[in-house]
Amino acid sequence: GDEVFCSTLTFIATANPITYLGATPVFIDSDRTSWNMNP
């Protein structure tokens, strides 16, 4: 029932374990500077 924020530009293995625990991922977009999560 929990939600976990997670980078969206990544391999699915980042988010799969969230679902193993019955939680739901919420995805955050990237920035242009690093291609990683936009702070």
PDB file of all heavy atoms in Angstrom:
ATOM      1  N   GLY A   1       0.785  -1.220   0.000  1.00  0.00           N
ATOM      2  CA  GLY A   1       0.000   0.000   0.000  1.00  0.00           C
ATOM      3  C   GLY A   1       0.820   1.274   0.000  1.00  0.00           C
ATOM      4  O   GLY A   1       0.277   2.361  -0.264  1.00  0.00           O
ATOM      5  N   ASP A   2       2.115   1.188   0.290  1.00  0.00           N
ATOM      6  CA  ASP A   2       2.965   2.376   0.270  1.00  0.00           C
ATOM      7  C   ASP A   2       3.250   2.806  -1.167  1.00  0.00           C
ATOM      8  O   ASP A   2       3.112   2.030  -2.117  1.00  0.00           O
ATOM      9  CB  ASP A   2       4.302   2.094   0.965  1.00  0.00           C
ATOM     10  CG  ASP A   2       4.173   1.983   2.474  1.00  0.00           C
ATOM     11  OD1 ASP A   2       3.213   2.550   3.040  1.00  0.00           O
ATOM     12  OD2 ASP A   2       5.037   1.324   3.086  1.00  0.00           O
ATOM     13  N   GLU A   3       3.662   4.052  -1.316  1.00  0.00           N
ATOM     14  CA  GLU A   3       4.209   4.540  -2.574  1.00  0.00           C
ATOM     15  C   GLU A   3       5.699   4.818  -2.397  1.00  0.00           C
ATOM     16  O   GLU A   3       6.135   5.244  -1.330  1.00  0.00           O
ATOM     17  CB  GLU A   3       3.499   5.816  -3.025  1.00  0.00           C
ATOM     18  CG  GLU A   3       2.067   5.589  -3.488  1.00  0.00           C
ATOM     19  CD  GLU A   3       1.438   6.840  -4.053  1.00  0.00           C
ATOM     20  OE1 GLU A   3       1.721   7.943  -3.521  1.00  0.00           O
ATOM     21  OE2 GLU A   3       0.650   6.734  -5.018  1.00  0.00           O
ATOM     22  N   VAL A   4       6.455   4.572  -3.454  1.00  0.00           N
ATOM     23  CA  VAL A   4       7.894   4.833  -3.457  1.00  0.00           C
ATOM     24  C   VAL A   4       8.220   5.631  -4.703  1.00  0.00           C
ATOM     25  O   VAL A   4       7.900   5.209  -5.819  1.00  0.00           O
ATOM     26  CB  VAL A   4       8.709   3.520  -3.438  1.00  0.00           C
ATOM     27  CG1 VAL A   4      10.202   3.814  -3.561  1.00  0.00           C
ATOM     28  CG2 VAL A   4       8.418   2.728  -2.174  1.00  0.00           C
ATOM     29  N   PHE A   5       8.832   6.809  -4.528  1.00  0.00           N
ATOM     30  CA  PHE A   5       9.264   7.604  -5.670  1.00  0.00           C
ATOM     31  C   PHE A   5      10.511   6.971  -6.280  1.00  0.00           C
ATOM     32  O   PHE A   5      11.392   6.495  -5.565  1.00  0.00           O
ATOM     33  CB  PHE A   5       9.567   9.037  -5.243  1.00  0.00           C
ATOM     34  CG  PHE A   5       8.353   9.894  -5.039  1.00  0.00           C
ATOM     35  CD1 PHE A   5       7.080   9.356  -5.034  1.00  0.00           C
ATOM     36  CD2 PHE A   5       8.484  11.261  -4.850  1.00  0.00           C
ATOM     37  CE1 PHE A   5       5.952  10.148  -4.842  1.00  0.00           C
ATOM     38  CE2 PHE A   5       7.380  12.069  -4.665  1.00  0.00           C
ATOM     39  CZ  PHE A   5       6.114  11.516  -4.661  1.00  0.00           C
ATOM     40  N   CYS A   6      10.603   7.020  -7.614  1.00  0.00           N
ATOM     41  CA  CYS A   6      11.643   6.276  -8.319  1.00  0.00           C
ATOM     42  C   CYS A   6      11.966   6.976  -9.637  1.00  0.00           C
ATOM     43  O   CYS A   6      11.069   7.514 -10.295  1.00  0.00           O
ATOM     44  CB  CYS A   6      11.134   4.850  -8.581  1.00  0.00           C
ATOM     45  SG  CYS A   6      12.198   3.807  -9.569  1.00  0.00           S
ATOM     46  N   SER A   7      13.234   6.994 -10.013  1.00  0.00           N
ATOM     47  CA  SER A   7      13.621   7.497 -11.334  1.00  0.00           C
ATOM     48  C   SER A   7      12.881   6.713 -12.415  1.00  0.00           C
ATOM     49  O   SER A   7      12.714   5.497 -12.305  1.00  0.00           O
ATOM     50  CB  SER A   7      15.123   7.336 -11.537  1.00  0.00           C
ATOM     51  OG  SER A   7      15.864   7.959 -10.505  1.00  0.00           O
ATOM     52  N   THR A   8      12.464   7.409 -13.470  1.00  0.00           N
ATOM     53  CA  THR A   8      11.768   6.703 -14.546  1.00  0.00           C
ATOM     54  C   THR A   8      12.704   6.224 -15.638  1.00  0.00           C
ATOM     55  O   THR A   8      12.450   5.203 -16.277  1.00  0.00           O
ATOM     56  CB  THR A   8      10.655   7.575 -15.165  1.00  0.00           C
ATOM     57  OG1 THR A   8       9.849   6.750 -16.028  1.00  0.00           O
ATOM     58  CG2 THR A   8      11.209   8.744 -15.972  1.00  0.00           C
ATOM     59  N   LEU A   9      13.824   6.936 -15.874  1.00  0.00           N
ATOM     60  CA  LEU A   9      14.744   6.532 -16.926  1.00  0.00           C
ATOM     61  C   LEU A   9      15.765   5.567 -16.329  1.00  0.00           C
ATOM     62  O   LEU A   9      16.842   5.947 -15.858  1.00  0.00           O
ATOM     63  CB  LEU A   9      15.449   7.754 -17.524  1.00  0.00           C
ATOM     64  CG  LEU A   9      16.261   7.485 -18.796  1.00  0.00           C
ATOM     65  CD1 LEU A   9      15.370   6.959 -19.929  1.00  0.00           C
ATOM     66  CD2 LEU A   9      17.011   8.726 -19.238  1.00  0.00           C
ATOM     67  N   THR A  10      15.417   4.290 -16.354  1.00  0.00           N
ATOM     68  CA  THR A  10      16.254   3.256 -15.759  1.00  0.00           C
ATOM     69  C   THR A  10      15.757   1.889 -16.205  1.00  0.00           C
ATOM     70  O   THR A  10      14.686   1.763 -16.805  1.00  0.00           O
ATOM     71  CB  THR A  10      16.245   3.347 -14.217  1.00  0.00           C
ATOM     72  OG1 THR A  10      17.105   2.348 -13.673  1.00  0.00           O
ATOM     73  CG2 THR A  10      14.842   3.136 -13.664  1.00  0.00           C
ATOM     74  N   PHE A  11      16.523   0.871 -15.897  1.00  0.00           N
ATOM     75  CA  PHE A  11      16.119  -0.507 -16.150  1.00  0.00           C
ATOM     76  C   PHE A  11      15.033  -0.906 -15.147  1.00  0.00           C
ATOM     77  O   PHE A  11      14.991  -0.411 -14.014  1.00  0.00           O
ATOM     78  CB  PHE A  11      17.341  -1.417 -16.012  1.00  0.00           C
ATOM     79  CG  PHE A  11      17.072  -2.867 -16.305  1.00  0.00           C
ATOM     80  CD1 PHE A  11      16.424  -3.267 -17.458  1.00  0.00           C
ATOM     81  CD2 PHE A  11      17.500  -3.844 -15.420  1.00  0.00           C
ATOM     82  CE1 PHE A  11      16.192  -4.602 -17.728  1.00  0.00           C
ATOM     83  CE2 PHE A  11      17.276  -5.183 -15.678  1.00  0.00           C
ATOM     84  CZ  PHE A  11      16.626  -5.574 -16.832  1.00  0.00           C
ATOM     85  N   ILE A  12      14.193  -1.841 -15.543  1.00  0.00           N
ATOM     86  CA  ILE A  12      13.027  -2.200 -14.732  1.00  0.00           C
ATOM     87  C   ILE A  12      13.411  -2.793 -13.375  1.00  0.00           C
ATOM     88  O   ILE A  12      12.621  -2.754 -12.430  1.00  0.00           O
ATOM     89  CB  ILE A  12      12.117  -3.174 -15.509  1.00  0.00           C
ATOM     90  CG1 ILE A  12      10.717  -3.236 -14.855  1.00  0.00           C
ATOM     91  CG2 ILE A  12      12.772  -4.548 -15.618  1.00  0.00           C
ATOM     92  CD1 ILE A  12       9.691  -3.965 -15.696  1.00  0.00           C
ATOM     93  N   ALA A  13      14.640  -3.311 -13.246  1.00  0.00           N
ATOM     94  CA  ALA A  13      15.064  -3.890 -11.970  1.00  0.00           C
ATOM     95  C   ALA A  13      15.043  -2.868 -10.840  1.00  0.00           C
ATOM     96  O   ALA A  13      14.991  -3.242  -9.668  1.00  0.00           O
ATOM     97  CB  ALA A  13      16.465  -4.483 -12.097  1.00  0.00           C
ATOM     98  N   THR A  14      15.084  -1.571 -11.165  1.00  0.00           N
ATOM     99  CA  THR A  14      14.995  -0.546 -10.127  1.00  0.00           C
ATOM    100  C   THR A  14      13.617  -0.538  -9.479  1.00  0.00           C
ATOM    101  O   THR A  14      13.490  -0.332  -8.263  1.00  0.00           O
ATOM    102  CB  THR A  14      15.290   0.842 -10.712  1.00  0.00           C
ATOM    103  OG1 THR A  14      16.609   0.848 -11.256  1.00  0.00           O
ATOM    104  CG2 THR A  14      15.180   1.927  -9.648  1.00  0.00           C
ATOM    105  N   ALA A  15      12.581  -0.749 -10.260  1.00  0.00           N
ATOM    106  CA  ALA A  15      11.212  -0.631  -9.752  1.00  0.00           C
ATOM    107  C   ALA A  15      10.597  -1.963  -9.364  1.00  0.00           C
ATOM    108  O   ALA A  15       9.687  -2.005  -8.523  1.00  0.00           O
ATOM    109  CB  ALA A  15      10.329   0.049 -10.799  1.00  0.00           C
ATOM    110  N   ASN A  16      11.052  -3.066  -9.943  1.00  0.00           N
ATOM    111  CA  ASN A  16      10.450  -4.358  -9.622  1.00  0.00           C
ATOM    112  C   ASN A  16      10.419  -4.656  -8.127  1.00  0.00           C
ATOM    113  O   ASN A  16       9.394  -5.117  -7.605  1.00  0.00           O
ATOM    114  CB  ASN A  16      11.174  -5.479 -10.368  1.00  0.00           C
ATOM    115  CG  ASN A  16      10.668  -5.665 -11.789  1.00  0.00           C
ATOM    116  OD1 ASN A  16       9.596  -5.178 -12.134  1.00  0.00           O
ATOM    117  ND2 ASN A  16      11.434  -6.350 -12.604  1.00  0.00           N
ATOM    118  N   PRO A  17      11.514  -4.433  -7.377  1.00  0.00           N
ATOM    119  CA  PRO A  17      11.469  -4.757  -5.952  1.00  0.00           C
ATOM    120  C   PRO A  17      10.436  -3.955  -5.165  1.00  0.00           C
ATOM    121  O   PRO A  17       9.990  -4.407  -4.108  1.00  0.00           O
ATOM    122  CB  PRO A  17      12.896  -4.429  -5.479  1.00  0.00           C
ATOM    123  CG  PRO A  17      13.735  -4.567  -6.692  1.00  0.00           C
ATOM    124  CD  PRO A  17      12.883  -4.057  -7.802  1.00  0.00           C
ATOM    125  N   ILE A  18      10.072  -2.789  -5.666  1.00  0.00           N
ATOM    126  CA  ILE A  18       9.000  -2.023  -5.009  1.00  0.00           C
ATOM    127  C   ILE A  18       7.717  -2.840  -5.028  1.00  0.00           C
ATOM    128  O   ILE A  18       7.001  -2.943  -4.020  1.00  0.00           O
ATOM    129  CB  ILE A  18       8.795  -0.670  -5.717  1.00  0.00           C
ATOM    130  CG1 ILE A  18      10.068   0.179  -5.615  1.00  0.00           C
ATOM    131  CG2 ILE A  18       7.606   0.079  -5.125  1.00  0.00           C
ATOM    132  CD1 ILE A  18      10.041   1.437  -6.467  1.00  0.00           C
ATOM    133  N   THR A  19       7.453  -3.463  -6.178  1.00  0.00           N
ATOM    134  CA  THR A  19       6.228  -4.253  -6.298  1.00  0.00           C
ATOM    135  C   THR A  19       6.312  -5.558  -5.517  1.00  0.00           C
ATOM    136  O   THR A  19       5.285  -6.105  -5.108  1.00  0.00           O
ATOM    137  CB  THR A  19       5.916  -4.561  -7.776  1.00  0.00           C
ATOM    138  OG1 THR A  19       6.889  -5.464  -8.307  1.00  0.00           O
ATOM    139  CG2 THR A  19       5.938  -3.282  -8.597  1.00  0.00           C
ATOM    140  N   TYR A  20       7.547  -6.094  -5.314  1.00  0.00           N
ATOM    141  CA  TYR A  20       7.683  -7.328  -4.532  1.00  0.00           C
ATOM    142  C   TYR A  20       7.090  -7.148  -3.133  1.00  0.00           C
ATOM    143  O   TYR A  20       6.589  -8.107  -2.539  1.00  0.00           O
ATOM    144  CB  TYR A  20       9.153  -7.717  -4.360  1.00  0.00           C
ATOM    145  CG  TYR A  20       9.930  -8.024  -5.610  1.00  0.00           C
ATOM    146  CD1 TYR A  20      11.320  -8.107  -5.553  1.00  0.00           C
ATOM    147  CD2 TYR A  20       9.314  -8.226  -6.847  1.00  0.00           C
ATOM    148  CE1 TYR A  20      12.072  -8.378  -6.688  1.00  0.00           C
ATOM    149  CE2 TYR A  20      10.057  -8.487  -7.974  1.00  0.00           C
ATOM    150  CZ  TYR A  20      11.437  -8.570  -7.897  1.00  0.00           C
ATOM    151  OH  TYR A  20      12.180  -8.829  -9.017  1.00  0.00           O
ATOM    152  N   LEU A  21       7.176  -5.924  -2.635  1.00  0.00           N
ATOM    153  CA  LEU A  21       6.707  -5.637  -1.276  1.00  0.00           C
ATOM    154  C   LEU A  21       5.275  -5.128  -1.253  1.00  0.00           C
ATOM    155  O   LEU A  21       4.781  -4.703  -0.213  1.00  0.00           O
ATOM    156  CB  LEU A  21       7.643  -4.621  -0.616  1.00  0.00           C
ATOM    157  CG  LEU A  21       9.068  -5.135  -0.379  1.00  0.00           C
ATOM    158  CD1 LEU A  21      10.000  -3.997  -0.008  1.00  0.00           C
ATOM    159  CD2 LEU A  21       9.072  -6.197   0.717  1.00  0.00           C
ATOM    160  N   GLY A  22       4.601  -5.162  -2.389  1.00  0.00           N
ATOM    161  CA  GLY A  22       3.207  -4.728  -2.445  1.00  0.00           C
ATOM    162  C   GLY A  22       3.040  -3.229  -2.506  1.00  0.00           C
ATOM    163  O   GLY A  22       1.917  -2.718  -2.355  1.00  0.00           O
ATOM    164  N   ALA A  23       4.117  -2.496  -2.729  1.00  0.00           N
ATOM    165  CA  ALA A  23       4.061  -1.042  -2.835  1.00  0.00           C
ATOM    166  C   ALA A  23       3.922  -0.634  -4.302  1.00  0.00           C
ATOM    167  O   ALA A  23       4.015  -1.471  -5.217  1.00  0.00           O
ATOM    168  CB  ALA A  23       5.295  -0.412  -2.212  1.00  0.00           C
ATOM    169  N   THR A  24       3.721   0.662  -4.532  1.00  0.00           N
ATOM    170  CA  THR A  24       3.501   1.181  -5.879  1.00  0.00           C
ATOM    171  C   THR A  24       4.548   2.228  -6.205  1.00  0.00           C
ATOM    172  O   THR A  24       4.746   3.177  -5.431  1.00  0.00           O
ATOM    173  CB  THR A  24       2.101   1.819  -5.987  1.00  0.00           C
ATOM    174  OG1 THR A  24       1.112   0.831  -5.687  1.00  0.00           O
ATOM    175  CG2 THR A  24       1.861   2.373  -7.383  1.00  0.00           C
ATOM    176  N   PRO A  25       5.231   2.113  -7.352  1.00  0.00           N
ATOM    177  CA  PRO A  25       6.183   3.150  -7.738  1.00  0.00           C
ATOM    178  C   PRO A  25       5.491   4.383  -8.311  1.00  0.00           C
ATOM    179  O   PRO A  25       4.458   4.275  -8.974  1.00  0.00           O
ATOM    180  CB  PRO A  25       7.040   2.465  -8.805  1.00  0.00           C
ATOM    181  CG  PRO A  25       6.156   1.415  -9.391  1.00  0.00           C
ATOM    182  CD  PRO A  25       5.241   0.970  -8.286  1.00  0.00           C
ATOM    183  N   VAL A  26       6.053   5.529  -8.021  1.00  0.00           N
ATOM    184  CA  VAL A  26       5.670   6.794  -8.648  1.00  0.00           C
ATOM    185  C   VAL A  26       6.938   7.317  -9.319  1.00  0.00           C
ATOM    186  O   VAL A  26       7.965   7.488  -8.660  1.00  0.00           O
ATOM    187  CB  VAL A  26       5.140   7.815  -7.626  1.00  0.00           C
ATOM    188  CG1 VAL A  26       4.887   9.159  -8.301  1.00  0.00           C
ATOM    189  CG2 VAL A  26       3.865   7.295  -6.972  1.00  0.00           C
ATOM    190  N   PHE A  27       6.883   7.569 -10.616  1.00  0.00           N
ATOM    191  CA  PHE A  27       8.084   7.846 -11.381  1.00  0.00           C
ATOM    192  C   PHE A  27       8.350   9.344 -11.518  1.00  0.00           C
ATOM    193  O   PHE A  27       7.418  10.143 -11.671  1.00  0.00           O
ATOM    194  CB  PHE A  27       7.990   7.182 -12.753  1.00  0.00           C
ATOM    195  CG  PHE A  27       7.830   5.688 -12.663  1.00  0.00           C
ATOM    196  CD1 PHE A  27       6.651   5.069 -13.058  1.00  0.00           C
ATOM    197  CD2 PHE A  27       8.852   4.906 -12.153  1.00  0.00           C
ATOM    198  CE1 PHE A  27       6.497   3.697 -12.968  1.00  0.00           C
ATOM    199  CE2 PHE A  27       8.718   3.529 -12.056  1.00  0.00           C
ATOM    200  CZ  PHE A  27       7.534   2.928 -12.466  1.00  0.00           C
ATOM    201  N   ILE A  28       9.631   9.698 -11.463  1.00  0.00           N
ATOM    202  CA  ILE A  28      10.069  11.083 -11.560  1.00  0.00           C
ATOM    203  C   ILE A  28      10.927  11.231 -12.811  1.00  0.00           C
ATOM    204  O   ILE A  28      11.838  10.431 -13.065  1.00  0.00           O
ATOM    205  CB  ILE A  28      10.883  11.518 -10.324  1.00  0.00           C
ATOM    206  CG1 ILE A  28      10.141  11.184  -9.030  1.00  0.00           C
ATOM    207  CG2 ILE A  28      11.224  13.010 -10.402  1.00  0.00           C
ATOM    208  CD1 ILE A  28       8.863  11.951  -8.824  1.00  0.00           C
ATOM    209  N   ASP A  29      10.683  12.283 -13.574  1.00  0.00           N
ATOM    210  CA  ASP A  29      11.381  12.524 -14.837  1.00  0.00           C
ATOM    211  C   ASP A  29      12.849  12.899 -14.609  1.00  0.00           C
ATOM    212  O   ASP A  29      13.283  13.187 -13.495  1.00  0.00           O
ATOM    213  CB  ASP A  29      10.671  13.655 -15.594  1.00  0.00           C
ATOM    214  CG  ASP A  29      10.986  13.666 -17.079  1.00  0.00           C
ATOM    215  OD1 ASP A  29      11.697  12.765 -17.560  1.00  0.00           O
ATOM    216  OD2 ASP A  29      10.506  14.602 -17.781  1.00  0.00           O
ATOM    217  N   SER A  30      13.599  12.928 -15.696  1.00  0.00           N
ATOM    218  CA  SER A  30      15.024  13.246 -15.688  1.00  0.00           C
ATOM    219  C   SER A  30      15.255  14.738 -15.921  1.00  0.00           C
ATOM    220  O   SER A  30      14.381  15.460 -16.401  1.00  0.00           O
ATOM    221  CB  SER A  30      15.741  12.464 -16.795  1.00  0.00           C
ATOM    222  OG  SER A  30      15.591  11.078 -16.630  1.00  0.00           O
ATOM    223  N   ASP A  31      16.490  15.168 -15.588  1.00  0.00           N
ATOM    224  CA  ASP A  31      16.929  16.485 -16.032  1.00  0.00           C
ATOM    225  C   ASP A  31      17.840  16.307 -17.246  1.00  0.00           C
ATOM    226  O   ASP A  31      18.250  15.197 -17.580  1.00  0.00           O
ATOM    227  CB  ASP A  31      17.640  17.256 -14.913  1.00  0.00           C
ATOM    228  CG  ASP A  31      18.906  16.569 -14.395  1.00  0.00           C
ATOM    229  OD1 ASP A  31      19.548  15.826 -15.166  1.00  0.00           O
ATOM    230  OD2 ASP A  31      19.249  16.772 -13.219  1.00  0.00           O
ATOM    231  N   ARG A  32      18.145  17.402 -17.932  1.00  0.00           N
ATOM    232  CA  ARG A  32      19.001  17.338 -19.119  1.00  0.00           C
ATOM    233  C   ARG A  32      20.480  17.297 -18.754  1.00  0.00           C
ATOM    234  O   ARG A  32      21.301  16.847 -19.544  1.00  0.00           O
ATOM    235  CB  ARG A  32      18.744  18.559 -20.011  1.00  0.00           C
ATOM    236  CG  ARG A  32      17.357  18.615 -20.609  1.00  0.00           C
ATOM    237  CD  ARG A  32      17.229  17.672 -21.781  1.00  0.00           C
ATOM    238  NE  ARG A  32      15.912  17.760 -22.413  1.00  0.00           N
ATOM    239  CZ  ARG A  32      15.527  16.997 -23.428  1.00  0.00           C
ATOM    240  NH1 ARG A  32      16.360  16.098 -23.932  1.00  0.00           N
ATOM    241  NH2 ARG A  32      14.321  17.128 -23.949  1.00  0.00           N
ATOM    242  N   THR A  33      20.819  17.759 -17.552  1.00  0.00           N
ATOM    243  CA  THR A  33      22.214  17.895 -17.159  1.00  0.00           C
ATOM    244  C   THR A  33      22.895  16.546 -16.966  1.00  0.00           C
ATOM    245  O   THR A  33      24.034  16.344 -17.393  1.00  0.00           O
ATOM    246  CB  THR A  33      22.330  18.703 -15.863  1.00  0.00           C
ATOM    247  OG1 THR A  33      21.722  19.978 -16.061  1.00  0.00           O
ATOM    248  CG2 THR A  33      23.774  18.885 -15.440  1.00  0.00           C
ATOM    249  N   SER A  34      22.195  15.624 -16.311  1.00  0.00           N
ATOM    250  CA  SER A  34      22.793  14.330 -15.987  1.00  0.00           C
ATOM    251  C   SER A  34      21.992  13.146 -16.513  1.00  0.00           C
ATOM    252  O   SER A  34      22.468  12.013 -16.428  1.00  0.00           O
ATOM    253  CB  SER A  34      22.928  14.189 -14.465  1.00  0.00           C
ATOM    254  OG  SER A  34      21.656  14.052 -13.865  1.00  0.00           O
ATOM    255  N   TRP A  35      20.794  13.383 -17.024  1.00  0.00           N
ATOM    256  CA  TRP A  35      19.846  12.370 -17.454  1.00  0.00           C
ATOM    257  C   TRP A  35      19.235  11.622 -16.258  1.00  0.00           C
ATOM    258  O   TRP A  35      18.473  10.681 -16.435  1.00  0.00           O
ATOM    259  CB  TRP A  35      20.454  11.360 -18.424  1.00  0.00           C
ATOM    260  CG  TRP A  35      20.825  11.892 -19.770  1.00  0.00           C
ATOM    261  CD1 TRP A  35      21.003  13.195 -20.143  1.00  0.00           C
ATOM    262  CD2 TRP A  35      21.075  11.119 -20.953  1.00  0.00           C
ATOM    263  NE1 TRP A  35      21.349  13.290 -21.456  1.00  0.00           N
ATOM    264  CE2 TRP A  35      21.408  12.022 -21.989  1.00  0.00           C
ATOM    265  CE3 TRP A  35      21.071   9.768 -21.245  1.00  0.00           C
ATOM    266  CZ2 TRP A  35      21.716  11.611 -23.292  1.00  0.00           C
ATOM    267  CZ3 TRP A  35      21.381   9.352 -22.535  1.00  0.00           C
ATOM    268  CH2 TRP A  35      21.693  10.262 -23.548  1.00  0.00           C
ATOM    269  N   ASN A  36      19.555  12.053 -15.051  1.00  0.00           N
ATOM    270  CA  ASN A  36      19.040  11.414 -13.841  1.00  0.00           C
ATOM    271  C   ASN A  36      17.866  12.201 -13.273  1.00  0.00           C
ATOM    272  O   ASN A  36      17.431  13.201 -13.836  1.00  0.00           O
ATOM    273  CB  ASN A  36      20.171  11.298 -12.811  1.00  0.00           C
ATOM    274  CG  ASN A  36      21.182  10.233 -13.185  1.00  0.00           C
ATOM    275  OD1 ASN A  36      20.856   9.056 -13.290  1.00  0.00           O
ATOM    276  ND2 ASN A  36      22.425  10.646 -13.409  1.00  0.00           N
ATOM    277  N   MET A  37      17.353  11.741 -12.133  1.00  0.00           N
ATOM    278  CA  MET A  37      16.176  12.334 -11.513  1.00  0.00           C
ATOM    279  C   MET A  37      16.314  13.851 -11.388  1.00  0.00           C
ATOM    280  O   MET A  37      17.337  14.365 -10.930  1.00  0.00           O
ATOM    281  CB  MET A  37      15.924  11.723 -10.139  1.00  0.00           C
ATOM    282  CG  MET A  37      14.646  12.219  -9.464  1.00  0.00           C
ATOM    283  SD  MET A  37      14.421  11.575  -7.788  1.00  0.00           S
ATOM    284  CE  MET A  37      14.015   9.862  -8.115  1.00  0.00           C
ATOM    285  N   ASN A  38      15.264  14.557 -11.774  1.00  0.00           N
ATOM    286  CA  ASN A  38      15.226  16.012 -11.708  1.00  0.00           C
ATOM    287  C   ASN A  38      14.951  16.449 -10.270  1.00  0.00           C
ATOM    288  O   ASN A  38      13.855  16.227  -9.751  1.00  0.00           O
ATOM    289  CB  ASN A  38      14.141  16.542 -12.643  1.00  0.00           C
ATOM    290  CG  ASN A  38      14.135  18.036 -12.764  1.00  0.00           C
ATOM    291  OD1 ASN A  38      14.277  18.755 -11.781  1.00  0.00           O
ATOM    292  ND2 ASN A  38      13.951  18.534 -13.981  1.00  0.00           N
ATOM    293  N   PRO A  39      15.914  17.081  -9.583  1.00  0.00           N
ATOM    294  CA  PRO A  39      15.703  17.457  -8.176  1.00  0.00           C
ATOM    295  C   PRO A  39      14.544  18.424  -7.984  1.00  0.00           C
ATOM    296  O   PRO A  39      13.832  18.344  -6.978  1.00  0.00           O
ATOM    297  CB  PRO A  39      17.041  18.109  -7.781  1.00  0.00           C
ATOM    298  CG  PRO A  39      18.035  17.579  -8.755  1.00  0.00           C
ATOM    299  CD  PRO A  39      17.286  17.397 -10.038  1.00  0.00           C
TER     300      PRO A  39
END
